[in-house]
């Protein structure tokens, strides 16, 4: 959605990175480029003017002039102003003190209200609520049937006492749905109303009548993010005719320029609460202004990626995979197949890669990611025997031919997979041995390490410390030097023996552990972090 805007802003900031200080001309030129980028993204003119004025005012301030890197500071300013324009903070549903909480959906015809009702119901159910969808759109042909189908797919019950297609009273349906929710212990009611035009006074009045009949706790204005500048006019018309508390954006995965998302909040003063980012029911979540601003500026959206993983993966799956990676056993093709399956459940790979910082510069490569490659890899691995998956080294030429025939691929595909897997296995083995430097409790870190290697080094260092010269005079001199050194350390407050190289690089043992010679460190354990 914001691809064009993101590209333009990235190029603007790239031109600033080589400057040690920003002059007045640099600030004006940067502001001009940002203004053009926003206008090309179809952002409303009043919003652009307010945004640019705020950026220029802050860019001329002391926070930039005293900065070591003015370009980074300007990026920070633009990011903060984008967050502010998009709403500042994440707006969440205000639940009624006494259930059920009533949420009414309103919007233009074709804006995607019915589908969004199903997505919202599924999202609410995932948040441990018991929602009820209400089919109050009795005008559009088959609108009731569509909501029933969407509700079934989402696993959410639908209240549809009228057949629709012009038959029935939507106000009465909405009113009786509250009683139905109370009887069946539904704590949230989502009312899907008929779409209307901003100039359609009759349909506007119907929406107002439903609002008066049920007194909704939240009225969501559903708007198609692809309609551009007209979204602002429509939002204002609905605000005047019906009123609403927040906005739900649909079709944010489209190829439009996305100016509506940046304009509605500023023009109407109503926050964006939800965003629909795809056709699937799970492509729906709360709208986070800070995360959206980060995406626009190509800084990624790692928090959303983490939350998506937490919703997708079961705790026992994560624990099992963690224990597998931490064990002494080699990483196998079965483990790889399991990881790939977990990753695929999170959604398209291109979407996941797009949430990583800096991936905007690789959008052509990301767009060329072929999901069928994963299907091909899965077919190859599943065509192997359990013994082959556990030990790919036994896969000889005849086995590779059999696997290729069984998976409908070429022998070269099998060869490529096995080769890449051996490289990945080698990397995993190195990570287990060396670990992450500086991470307490992790192999290779401050609280652990490759224990076998550490013991060998300690043993070697200990032997080296006990060596003495074969010359009696020189040996006596060495012993006298050692005794003098021990005496000096005792006078300084204790014997603090140096750790040998490889076990800490010059760190000292605490007083009381040292003696006349290097202690045996094979069973030495660092204190818990």
Protein backbone atom coordinates (compact mmCIF):
# COMPACT_ATOMS: atom_id res chain seq x y z
CA UNK A 1 0.00 0.00 0.00
CA UNK A 2 2.71 2.52 0.98
CA UNK A 3 5.37 1.22 -1.39
CA UNK A 4 5.65 4.40 -3.49
CA UNK A 5 5.72 6.68 -0.45
CA UNK A 6 8.29 4.47 1.26
CA UNK A 7 10.56 4.51 -1.80
CA UNK A 8 10.42 8.29 -2.11
CA UNK A 9 11.12 8.91 1.57
CA UNK A 10 13.99 6.41 1.58
CA UNK A 11 15.66 8.21 -1.34
CA UNK A 12 15.21 11.55 0.44
CA UNK A 13 16.92 10.31 3.60
CA UNK A 14 19.72 8.64 1.61
CA UNK A 15 20.73 12.01 0.19
CA UNK A 16 21.05 13.40 3.74
CA UNK A 17 23.31 10.75 5.19
CA UNK A 18 26.53 12.22 3.85
CA UNK A 19 26.02 15.64 5.44
CA UNK A 20 27.66 16.61 8.71
CA UNK A 21 25.37 19.58 9.28
CA UNK A 22 22.06 20.60 7.72
CA UNK A 23 21.82 24.09 6.27
CA UNK A 24 18.61 26.02 5.77
CA UNK A 25 18.71 25.05 2.09
CA UNK A 26 19.05 21.37 2.99
CA UNK A 27 15.99 21.55 5.25
CA UNK A 28 13.92 23.33 2.59
CA UNK A 29 14.96 20.86 -0.10
CA UNK A 30 14.18 17.90 2.15
CA UNK A 31 10.78 19.33 3.10
CA UNK A 32 9.99 19.91 -0.58
CA UNK A 33 10.80 16.29 -1.45
CA UNK A 34 8.72 14.97 1.44
CA UNK A 35 5.82 17.21 0.37
CA UNK A 36 5.95 15.80 -3.17
CA UNK A 37 6.13 12.25 -1.82
CA UNK A 38 3.02 12.77 0.33
CA UNK A 39 1.06 14.43 -2.48
CA UNK A 40 1.95 11.59 -4.85
CA UNK A 41 0.68 9.17 -2.19
CA UNK A 42 -2.72 10.91 -2.41
CA UNK A 43 -2.53 12.46 1.05
CA UNK A 44 -5.01 15.32 1.53
CA UNK A 45 -3.48 18.78 0.99
CA UNK A 46 -4.36 20.16 4.47
CA UNK A 47 -2.65 17.16 6.03
CA UNK A 48 0.46 17.66 3.90
CA UNK A 49 0.70 21.32 4.84
CA UNK A 50 0.39 20.63 8.56
CA UNK A 51 2.87 17.78 8.39
CA UNK A 52 5.54 19.73 6.49
CA UNK A 53 5.18 22.78 8.73
CA UNK A 54 5.75 20.66 11.84
CA UNK A 55 8.74 18.82 10.33
CA UNK A 56 10.43 22.06 9.21
CA UNK A 57 9.89 23.70 12.60
CA UNK A 58 11.46 20.79 14.47
CA UNK A 59 14.24 20.35 11.89
CA UNK A 60 15.39 23.93 12.48
CA UNK A 61 15.43 23.40 16.24
CA UNK A 62 18.29 22.65 18.57
CA UNK A 63 17.58 18.91 18.50
CA UNK A 64 19.03 18.76 14.97
CA UNK A 65 21.67 21.46 15.10
CA UNK A 66 23.35 19.78 18.08
CA UNK A 67 22.94 16.25 16.76
CA UNK A 68 25.98 14.25 15.74
CA UNK A 69 24.03 12.78 12.84
CA UNK A 70 21.43 15.25 11.55
CA UNK A 71 20.12 12.85 8.90
CA UNK A 72 19.15 10.27 11.54
CA UNK A 73 17.58 13.00 13.63
CA UNK A 74 15.45 14.15 10.66
CA UNK A 75 14.33 10.55 10.11
CA UNK A 76 13.38 10.42 13.80
CA UNK A 77 11.35 13.63 13.45
CA UNK A 78 9.52 12.37 10.35
CA UNK A 79 8.81 9.05 12.07
CA UNK A 80 7.35 10.78 15.15
CA UNK A 81 5.21 13.11 13.02
CA UNK A 82 3.93 10.16 10.98
CA UNK A 83 2.97 8.38 14.20
CA UNK A 84 1.14 11.51 15.35
CA UNK A 85 -0.75 11.90 12.06
CA UNK A 86 -1.75 8.23 12.16
CA UNK A 87 -3.23 8.59 15.63
CA UNK A 88 -0.38 8.56 18.12
CA UNK A 89 -1.44 5.58 20.23
CA UNK A 90 -3.17 2.31 19.48
CA UNK A 91 -6.91 2.64 19.99
CA UNK A 92 -8.55 -0.43 21.52
CA UNK A 93 -12.20 -1.38 21.96
CA UNK A 94 -13.97 0.16 24.93
CA UNK A 95 -15.94 -2.72 26.40
CA UNK A 96 -19.22 -2.02 28.17
CA UNK A 97 -19.29 -2.39 31.94
CA UNK A 98 -22.35 -4.55 31.55
CA UNK A 99 -22.25 -7.00 28.60
CA UNK A 100 -22.93 -7.22 25.79
CA UNK A 101 -20.67 -4.65 24.16
CA UNK A 102 -22.36 -3.48 20.95
CA UNK A 103 -20.23 -2.66 17.90
CA UNK A 104 -21.98 -1.20 14.87
CA UNK A 105 -20.36 -1.23 11.42
CA UNK A 106 -21.19 1.51 8.91
CA UNK A 107 -19.70 2.49 5.59
CA UNK A 108 -19.99 2.79 1.85
CA UNK A 109 -21.33 0.14 -0.45
CA UNK A 110 -18.55 -2.24 -1.42
CA UNK A 111 -16.19 -1.16 1.35
CA UNK A 112 -15.99 -4.72 2.72
CA UNK A 113 -18.14 -4.43 5.86
CA UNK A 114 -19.52 -7.98 5.77
CA UNK A 115 -16.12 -9.59 5.36
CA UNK A 116 -14.70 -7.28 8.03
CA UNK A 117 -17.52 -8.35 10.37
CA UNK A 118 -16.32 -11.95 10.05
CA UNK A 119 -12.70 -10.94 10.57
CA UNK A 120 -13.62 -8.86 13.61
CA UNK A 121 -15.64 -11.75 15.05
CA UNK A 122 -12.73 -14.14 14.60
CA UNK A 123 -10.33 -11.64 16.17
CA UNK A 124 -12.64 -11.11 19.15
CA UNK A 125 -12.98 -14.86 19.64
CA UNK A 126 -9.19 -15.12 19.62
CA UNK A 127 -9.13 -12.54 22.43
CA UNK A 128 -11.32 -14.85 24.55
CA UNK A 129 -14.62 -13.13 23.81
CA UNK A 130 -17.89 -14.73 22.71
CA UNK A 131 -19.04 -12.55 19.79
CA UNK A 132 -22.34 -12.68 17.90
CA UNK A 133 -22.60 -11.41 14.32
CA UNK A 134 -25.88 -9.73 13.36
CA UNK A 135 -27.15 -9.65 9.77
CA UNK A 136 -28.81 -6.22 9.65
CA UNK A 137 -27.94 -5.59 5.99
CA UNK A 138 -31.28 -6.52 4.46
CA UNK A 139 -30.89 -4.43 1.30
CA UNK A 140 -27.99 -5.92 -0.67
CA UNK A 141 -28.80 -9.21 -2.42
CA UNK A 142 -27.45 -12.25 -0.54
CA UNK A 143 -25.83 -10.09 2.13
CA UNK A 144 -27.38 -12.26 4.86
CA UNK A 145 -26.16 -15.45 3.21
CA UNK A 146 -22.67 -13.99 2.81
CA UNK A 147 -22.46 -13.13 6.50
CA UNK A 148 -23.62 -16.63 7.43
CA UNK A 149 -20.90 -18.17 5.26
CA UNK A 150 -18.22 -15.84 6.62
CA UNK A 151 -19.39 -16.48 10.18
CA UNK A 152 -19.20 -20.24 9.67
CA UNK A 153 -15.65 -19.95 8.33
CA UNK A 154 -14.69 -17.74 11.26
CA UNK A 155 -16.32 -20.06 13.78
CA UNK A 156 -18.62 -17.30 15.06
CA UNK A 157 -22.45 -17.64 15.37
CA UNK A 158 -24.66 -15.40 13.23
CA UNK A 159 -28.06 -13.97 14.18
CA UNK A 160 -30.14 -13.72 10.98
CA UNK A 161 -33.90 -13.82 11.65
CA UNK A 162 -34.77 -12.17 8.32
CA UNK A 163 -33.90 -13.47 4.81
CA UNK A 164 -32.85 -10.06 3.51
CA UNK A 165 -32.93 -9.17 -0.19
CA UNK A 166 -35.22 -6.25 0.64
CA UNK A 167 -37.32 -8.18 3.18
CA UNK A 168 -37.33 -7.36 6.89
CA UNK A 169 -36.79 -4.44 9.26
CA UNK A 170 -33.06 -3.91 10.02
CA UNK A 171 -33.82 -1.75 13.06
CA UNK A 172 -35.90 -4.53 14.65
CA UNK A 173 -33.23 -7.13 13.81
CA UNK A 174 -30.59 -5.01 15.55
CA UNK A 175 -32.83 -4.48 18.60
CA UNK A 176 -33.72 -8.17 19.05
CA UNK A 177 -30.07 -9.20 18.59
CA UNK A 178 -29.25 -7.64 21.96
CA UNK A 179 -31.83 -9.85 23.65
CA UNK A 180 -30.46 -12.87 21.76
CA UNK A 181 -26.93 -12.09 22.98
CA UNK A 182 -28.07 -11.77 26.59
CA UNK A 183 -29.91 -15.10 26.45
CA UNK A 184 -26.92 -16.95 24.99
CA UNK A 185 -24.17 -15.21 26.99
CA UNK A 186 -22.49 -13.40 24.10
CA UNK A 187 -20.41 -10.56 25.50
CA UNK A 188 -19.93 -8.75 22.14
CA UNK A 189 -22.47 -8.01 19.39
CA UNK A 190 -21.21 -6.98 15.93
CA UNK A 191 -23.96 -5.45 13.78
CA UNK A 192 -23.41 -5.49 10.01
CA UNK A 193 -25.48 -2.70 8.46
CA UNK A 194 -26.33 -1.96 4.84
CA UNK A 195 -23.86 -0.01 2.73
CA UNK A 196 -24.88 3.44 1.63
CA UNK A 197 -23.70 6.49 -0.24
CA UNK A 198 -22.80 9.76 1.43
CA UNK A 199 -25.59 11.49 -0.51
CA UNK A 200 -28.20 8.79 0.23
CA UNK A 201 -30.24 10.49 2.95
CA UNK A 202 -32.68 7.57 3.31
CA UNK A 203 -29.96 5.00 4.02
CA UNK A 204 -28.16 7.46 6.27
CA UNK A 205 -31.36 7.81 8.29
CA UNK A 206 -31.64 4.01 8.56
CA UNK A 207 -28.15 3.86 10.04
CA UNK A 208 -29.05 6.62 12.49
CA UNK A 209 -32.21 4.70 13.49
CA UNK A 210 -30.18 1.53 14.20
CA UNK A 211 -27.77 3.61 16.24
CA UNK A 212 -30.62 5.08 18.31
CA UNK A 213 -32.25 1.66 18.79
CA UNK A 214 -29.19 -0.19 20.18
CA UNK A 215 -27.01 2.64 21.58
CA UNK A 216 -23.75 1.02 20.39
CA UNK A 217 -20.65 1.27 22.53
CA UNK A 218 -18.52 1.59 19.39
CA UNK A 219 -19.47 2.73 15.88
CA UNK A 220 -16.81 1.74 13.35
CA UNK A 221 -16.68 3.50 10.01
CA UNK A 222 -15.42 0.94 7.48
CA UNK A 223 -13.54 2.55 4.61
CA UNK A 224 -11.72 1.15 1.60
CA UNK A 225 -8.12 2.36 1.79
CA UNK A 226 -7.87 2.26 -2.01
CA UNK A 227 -10.41 4.98 -2.82
CA UNK A 228 -7.91 7.77 -2.20
CA UNK A 229 -8.94 11.37 -1.63
CA UNK A 230 -12.65 10.56 -1.74
CA UNK A 231 -12.25 8.56 1.46
CA UNK A 232 -11.81 11.82 3.36
CA UNK A 233 -15.00 13.35 1.92
CA UNK A 234 -16.97 10.18 2.65
CA UNK A 235 -15.60 9.97 6.17
CA UNK A 236 -16.70 13.54 6.85
CA UNK A 237 -20.17 12.89 5.40
CA UNK A 238 -20.67 9.86 7.66
CA UNK A 239 -19.35 11.76 10.62
CA UNK A 240 -21.98 14.45 10.04
CA UNK A 241 -24.82 12.05 9.17
CA UNK A 242 -24.35 9.13 11.58
CA UNK A 243 -21.28 9.78 13.67
CA UNK A 244 -18.68 7.18 14.57
CA UNK A 245 -16.00 6.54 17.16
CA UNK A 246 -13.20 5.00 15.11
CA UNK A 247 -12.22 3.86 11.62
CA UNK A 248 -11.54 0.38 10.23
CA UNK A 249 -9.41 0.35 7.07
CA UNK A 250 -9.87 -2.45 4.54
CA UNK A 251 -7.73 -3.53 1.56
CA UNK A 252 -4.47 -2.20 2.96
CA UNK A 253 -2.76 -4.90 0.89
CA UNK A 254 -3.83 -3.19 -2.34
CA UNK A 255 -1.57 -1.36 -4.75
CA UNK A 256 -3.17 2.06 -4.22
CA UNK A 257 -1.11 4.88 -2.79
CA UNK A 258 -2.52 4.78 0.74
CA UNK A 259 -3.18 8.47 1.29
CA UNK A 260 -6.52 7.72 2.96
CA UNK A 261 -4.81 6.17 5.99
CA UNK A 262 -2.69 9.28 6.45
CA UNK A 263 -5.58 11.71 5.90
CA UNK A 264 -8.65 10.37 7.73
CA UNK A 265 -7.24 10.64 11.24
CA UNK A 266 -6.14 14.26 10.77
CA UNK A 267 -9.29 15.46 8.98
CA UNK A 268 -11.96 13.75 11.09
CA UNK A 269 -10.16 13.53 14.42
CA UNK A 270 -11.26 9.89 14.74
CA UNK A 271 -8.56 7.24 15.27
CA UNK A 272 -7.97 4.21 13.08
CA UNK A 273 -8.77 1.16 15.22
CA UNK A 274 -8.48 -1.83 12.87
CA UNK A 275 -6.74 -2.63 9.60
CA UNK A 276 -7.46 -5.45 7.16
CA UNK A 277 -4.33 -6.46 5.25
CA UNK A 278 -5.47 -9.36 3.09
CA UNK A 279 -8.30 -11.57 1.91
CA UNK A 280 -7.96 -14.24 4.57
CA UNK A 281 -9.91 -14.00 7.82
CA UNK A 282 -6.69 -13.91 9.83
CA UNK A 283 -5.37 -10.89 7.89
CA UNK A 284 -6.80 -8.48 10.42
CA UNK A 285 -5.51 -6.78 13.55
CA UNK A 286 -5.46 -3.63 15.62
CA UNK A 287 -3.96 -0.63 13.85
CA UNK A 288 -0.67 0.42 15.46
CA UNK A 289 0.37 3.93 14.31
CA UNK A 290 4.00 3.48 15.39
CA UNK A 291 4.36 0.19 13.53
CA UNK A 292 2.74 1.58 10.38
CA UNK A 293 5.10 4.57 10.46
CA UNK A 294 8.04 2.18 10.80
CA UNK A 295 6.86 0.25 7.74
CA UNK A 296 6.50 3.43 5.71
CA UNK A 297 10.07 4.45 6.61
CA UNK A 298 11.37 0.91 5.85
CA UNK A 299 12.26 0.27 9.48
CA UNK A 300 10.32 -2.97 9.59
CA UNK A 301 7.62 -4.22 11.94
CA UNK A 302 9.29 -6.80 14.15
CA UNK A 303 6.71 -6.49 16.96
CA UNK A 304 3.88 -7.56 14.67
CA UNK A 305 6.04 -10.42 13.42
CA UNK A 306 6.63 -11.59 17.00
CA UNK A 307 2.94 -11.32 17.91
CA UNK A 308 2.01 -13.24 14.78
CA UNK A 309 4.43 -16.00 15.75
CA UNK A 310 3.03 -16.13 19.28
CA UNK A 311 -0.51 -16.54 17.94
CA UNK A 312 0.54 -19.18 15.42
CA UNK A 313 2.86 -21.42 17.42
CA UNK A 314 1.79 -23.56 20.33
CA UNK A 315 3.94 -23.45 23.47
CA UNK A 316 4.76 -27.14 23.29
CA UNK A 317 5.93 -26.74 19.68
CA UNK A 318 8.27 -23.92 20.64
CA UNK A 319 9.57 -25.85 23.65
CA UNK A 320 10.17 -28.96 21.58
CA UNK A 321 12.04 -27.04 18.88
CA UNK A 322 14.11 -25.19 21.48
CA UNK A 323 15.11 -28.47 23.14
CA UNK A 324 16.02 -29.91 19.74
CA UNK A 325 18.27 -26.97 18.91
CA UNK A 326 19.90 -27.10 22.36
CA UNK A 327 20.56 -30.85 22.31
CA UNK A 328 23.81 -32.48 21.28
CA UNK A 329 22.08 -34.22 18.35
CA UNK A 330 22.53 -32.96 14.81
CA UNK A 331 19.83 -30.92 13.10
CA UNK A 332 17.91 -33.35 10.84
CA UNK A 333 15.65 -33.03 7.82
CA UNK A 334 12.70 -33.90 10.07
CA UNK A 335 13.52 -30.86 12.22
CA UNK A 336 13.85 -28.75 9.08
CA UNK A 337 10.48 -29.96 7.79
CA UNK A 338 8.84 -29.15 11.13
CA UNK A 339 10.34 -25.64 11.18
CA UNK A 340 9.23 -24.98 7.62
CA UNK A 341 5.69 -26.07 8.45
CA UNK A 342 5.60 -23.74 11.47
CA UNK A 343 6.86 -20.87 9.32
CA UNK A 344 4.29 -21.44 6.61
CA UNK A 345 1.46 -21.28 9.12
CA UNK A 346 2.40 -17.65 9.78
CA UNK A 347 1.42 -16.67 6.24
CA UNK A 348 3.10 -15.91 2.91
CA UNK A 349 6.89 -15.75 3.15
CA UNK A 350 6.95 -12.46 1.22
CA UNK A 351 4.75 -10.83 3.88
CA UNK A 352 7.02 -12.05 6.67
CA UNK A 353 10.13 -10.80 4.90
CA UNK A 354 8.45 -7.45 4.33
CA UNK A 355 8.24 -6.93 8.10
CA UNK A 356 12.01 -7.08 8.47
CA UNK A 357 13.93 -3.77 8.66
CA UNK A 358 15.55 -2.60 5.42
CA UNK A 359 13.64 -5.05 3.23
CA UNK A 360 12.10 -2.21 1.22
CA UNK A 361 15.32 -2.07 -0.78
CA UNK A 362 14.84 -5.73 -1.73
CA UNK A 363 11.18 -5.62 -2.67
CA UNK A 364 11.87 -6.96 -6.17
CA UNK A 365 13.56 -10.05 -4.74
CA UNK A 366 10.80 -10.46 -2.13
CA UNK A 367 8.08 -10.21 -4.79
CA UNK A 368 9.83 -12.99 -6.72
CA UNK A 369 9.71 -15.41 -3.78
CA UNK A 370 7.93 -18.50 -5.08
CA UNK A 371 5.85 -20.30 -2.46
CA UNK A 372 5.82 -23.40 -4.68
CA UNK A 373 9.52 -23.87 -3.92
CA UNK A 374 8.54 -24.75 -0.36
CA UNK A 375 6.01 -27.26 -1.67
CA UNK A 376 8.75 -28.80 -3.81
CA UNK A 377 11.12 -29.05 -0.83
CA UNK A 378 8.38 -30.62 1.28
CA UNK A 379 7.67 -33.20 -1.42
CA UNK A 380 11.36 -34.11 -1.66
CA UNK A 381 11.78 -34.59 2.09
CA UNK A 382 8.57 -36.59 2.40
CA UNK A 383 9.77 -38.90 -0.38
CA UNK A 384 12.72 -39.92 1.80
CA UNK A 385 12.69 -42.80 4.25
CA UNK A 386 12.93 -42.03 8.00
CA UNK A 387 16.53 -43.26 7.94
CA UNK A 388 17.40 -40.89 5.08
CA UNK A 389 15.80 -37.93 6.81
CA UNK A 390 17.71 -38.70 9.99
CA UNK A 391 21.05 -39.25 8.23
CA UNK A 392 21.18 -37.65 4.75
CA UNK A 393 24.77 -38.88 4.31
CA UNK A 394 23.43 -42.28 3.25
CA UNK A 395 21.59 -40.78 0.27
CA UNK A 396 23.64 -42.09 -2.64
CA UNK A 397 22.98 -41.80 -6.38
CA UNK A 398 20.32 -44.52 -6.62
CA UNK A 399 18.50 -43.16 -3.57
CA UNK A 400 18.50 -39.66 -5.05
CA UNK A 401 16.97 -40.97 -8.27
CA UNK A 402 14.26 -42.77 -6.30
CA UNK A 403 13.52 -39.62 -4.22
CA UNK A 404 13.33 -37.47 -7.36
CA UNK A 405 10.90 -39.88 -9.01
CA UNK A 406 8.79 -40.10 -5.87
CA UNK A 407 8.53 -36.32 -5.45
CA UNK A 408 8.06 -35.46 -9.14
CA UNK A 409 11.28 -33.45 -9.25
CA UNK A 410 14.69 -33.70 -10.88
CA UNK A 411 17.77 -35.31 -9.37
CA UNK A 412 19.42 -31.88 -9.47
CA UNK A 413 16.68 -30.58 -7.15
CA UNK A 414 17.42 -33.36 -4.67
CA UNK A 415 21.16 -32.69 -4.93
CA UNK A 416 20.65 -28.99 -4.30
CA UNK A 417 18.46 -29.59 -1.25
CA UNK A 418 20.89 -32.09 0.30
CA UNK A 419 23.86 -29.77 -0.31
CA UNK A 420 22.12 -26.76 1.20
CA UNK A 421 20.97 -28.84 4.15
CA UNK A 422 24.54 -29.99 4.92
CA UNK A 423 25.61 -26.34 4.93
CA UNK A 424 22.75 -25.44 7.29
CA UNK A 425 23.57 -28.44 9.51
CA UNK A 426 27.21 -27.33 9.70
CA UNK A 427 26.13 -23.82 10.68
CA UNK A 428 23.80 -25.17 13.38
CA UNK A 429 26.64 -27.33 14.73
CA UNK A 430 28.93 -24.30 14.91
CA UNK A 431 26.26 -22.31 16.75
CA UNK A 432 25.88 -25.08 19.31
CA UNK A 433 29.64 -25.24 19.87
CA UNK A 434 30.45 -21.55 19.97
CA UNK A 435 27.05 -20.07 20.82
CA UNK A 436 26.23 -16.40 21.01
CA UNK A 437 29.16 -14.41 22.46
CA UNK A 438 28.43 -12.57 25.65
CA UNK A 439 25.10 -14.27 26.39
CA UNK A 440 25.10 -15.64 29.96
CA UNK A 441 24.02 -19.25 30.17
CA UNK A 442 24.41 -19.80 26.42
CA UNK A 443 27.19 -21.87 24.86
CA UNK A 444 30.12 -19.59 24.21
CA UNK A 445 28.69 -16.86 26.42
CA UNK A 446 29.62 -15.44 29.77
CA UNK A 447 27.85 -18.14 31.80
CA UNK A 448 28.68 -21.27 29.85
CA UNK A 449 30.68 -22.25 26.82
CA UNK A 450 31.99 -25.29 25.12
CA UNK A 451 32.69 -27.19 28.31
CA UNK A 452 34.90 -29.85 26.79
CA UNK A 453 37.07 -27.23 25.15
CA UNK A 454 37.22 -25.18 28.35
CA UNK A 455 38.27 -28.20 30.40
CA UNK A 456 41.00 -29.07 27.92
CA UNK A 457 42.32 -25.51 28.00
CA UNK A 458 42.26 -25.43 31.80
CA UNK A 459 44.07 -28.76 31.99
CA UNK A 460 46.69 -27.61 29.49
CA UNK A 461 47.19 -24.32 31.31
CA UNK A 462 47.49 -26.13 34.65
CA UNK A 463 50.18 -28.44 33.35
CA UNK A 464 52.07 -25.53 31.91
CA UNK A 465 52.00 -23.73 35.25
CA UNK A 466 53.62 -26.68 37.09
CA UNK A 467 56.65 -26.90 34.79
CA UNK A 468 60.03 -26.04 36.37
CA UNK A 469 63.47 -25.74 34.91
CA UNK A 470 65.90 -28.66 35.00
CA UNK A 471 68.66 -26.29 36.16
CA UNK A 472 68.66 -26.42 40.01
CA UNK A 473 69.75 -22.79 40.34
CA UNK A 474 67.16 -21.55 37.87
CA UNK A 475 64.42 -23.71 39.46
CA UNK A 476 65.24 -22.28 42.88
CA UNK A 477 65.07 -18.76 41.45
CA UNK A 478 61.66 -19.49 39.85
CA UNK A 479 60.29 -20.82 43.14
CA UNK A 480 61.56 -17.74 44.98
CA UNK A 481 59.87 -15.46 42.41
CA UNK A 482 56.57 -17.33 42.79
CA UNK A 483 56.72 -17.12 46.58
CA UNK A 484 57.47 -13.38 46.41
CA UNK A 485 54.53 -12.86 44.04
CA UNK A 486 52.18 -14.81 46.35
CA UNK A 487 53.37 -12.79 49.33
CA UNK A 488 52.79 -9.52 47.47
CA UNK A 489 49.22 -10.53 46.53
CA UNK A 490 48.42 -11.60 50.10
CA UNK A 491 49.58 -8.19 51.33
CA UNK A 492 47.37 -6.52 48.68
CA UNK A 493 44.27 -8.19 50.06
CA UNK A 494 44.17 -11.73 48.92
CA UNK A 495 45.45 -14.18 46.38
CA UNK A 496 43.65 -13.40 43.10
CA UNK A 497 44.84 -15.90 40.55
CA UNK A 498 44.58 -14.95 36.84
CA UNK A 499 42.39 -17.09 34.61
CA UNK A 500 44.30 -18.66 31.72
CA UNK A 501 43.72 -17.44 28.15
CA UNK A 502 40.48 -18.81 26.70
CA UNK A 503 38.64 -18.84 30.05
CA UNK A 504 38.10 -15.14 30.49
CA UNK A 505 41.05 -13.28 29.02
CA UNK A 506 42.65 -11.68 32.08
CA UNK A 507 39.70 -11.82 34.50
CA UNK A 508 40.65 -12.69 38.09
CA UNK A 509 39.35 -15.35 40.43
CA UNK A 510 37.79 -13.97 43.62
CA UNK A 511 39.87 -14.04 46.82
CA UNK A 512 39.97 -17.43 48.51
CA UNK A 513 40.00 -19.52 45.33
CA UNK A 514 43.69 -18.98 44.65
CA UNK A 515 46.55 -20.93 46.19
CA UNK A 516 50.15 -21.49 45.49
CA UNK A 517 49.44 -23.07 42.12
CA UNK A 518 46.72 -22.89 39.49
CA UNK A 519 43.58 -24.64 40.86
CA UNK A 520 41.79 -27.36 38.93
CA UNK A 521 39.03 -25.51 37.00
CA UNK A 522 37.38 -28.58 35.49
CA UNK A 523 34.53 -28.44 38.00
CA UNK A 524 34.56 -24.69 38.48
CA UNK A 525 31.13 -23.08 37.97
CA UNK A 526 30.42 -19.42 37.57
CA UNK A 527 27.71 -17.97 39.82
CA UNK A 528 24.23 -17.85 38.33
CA UNK A 529 23.43 -14.66 36.48
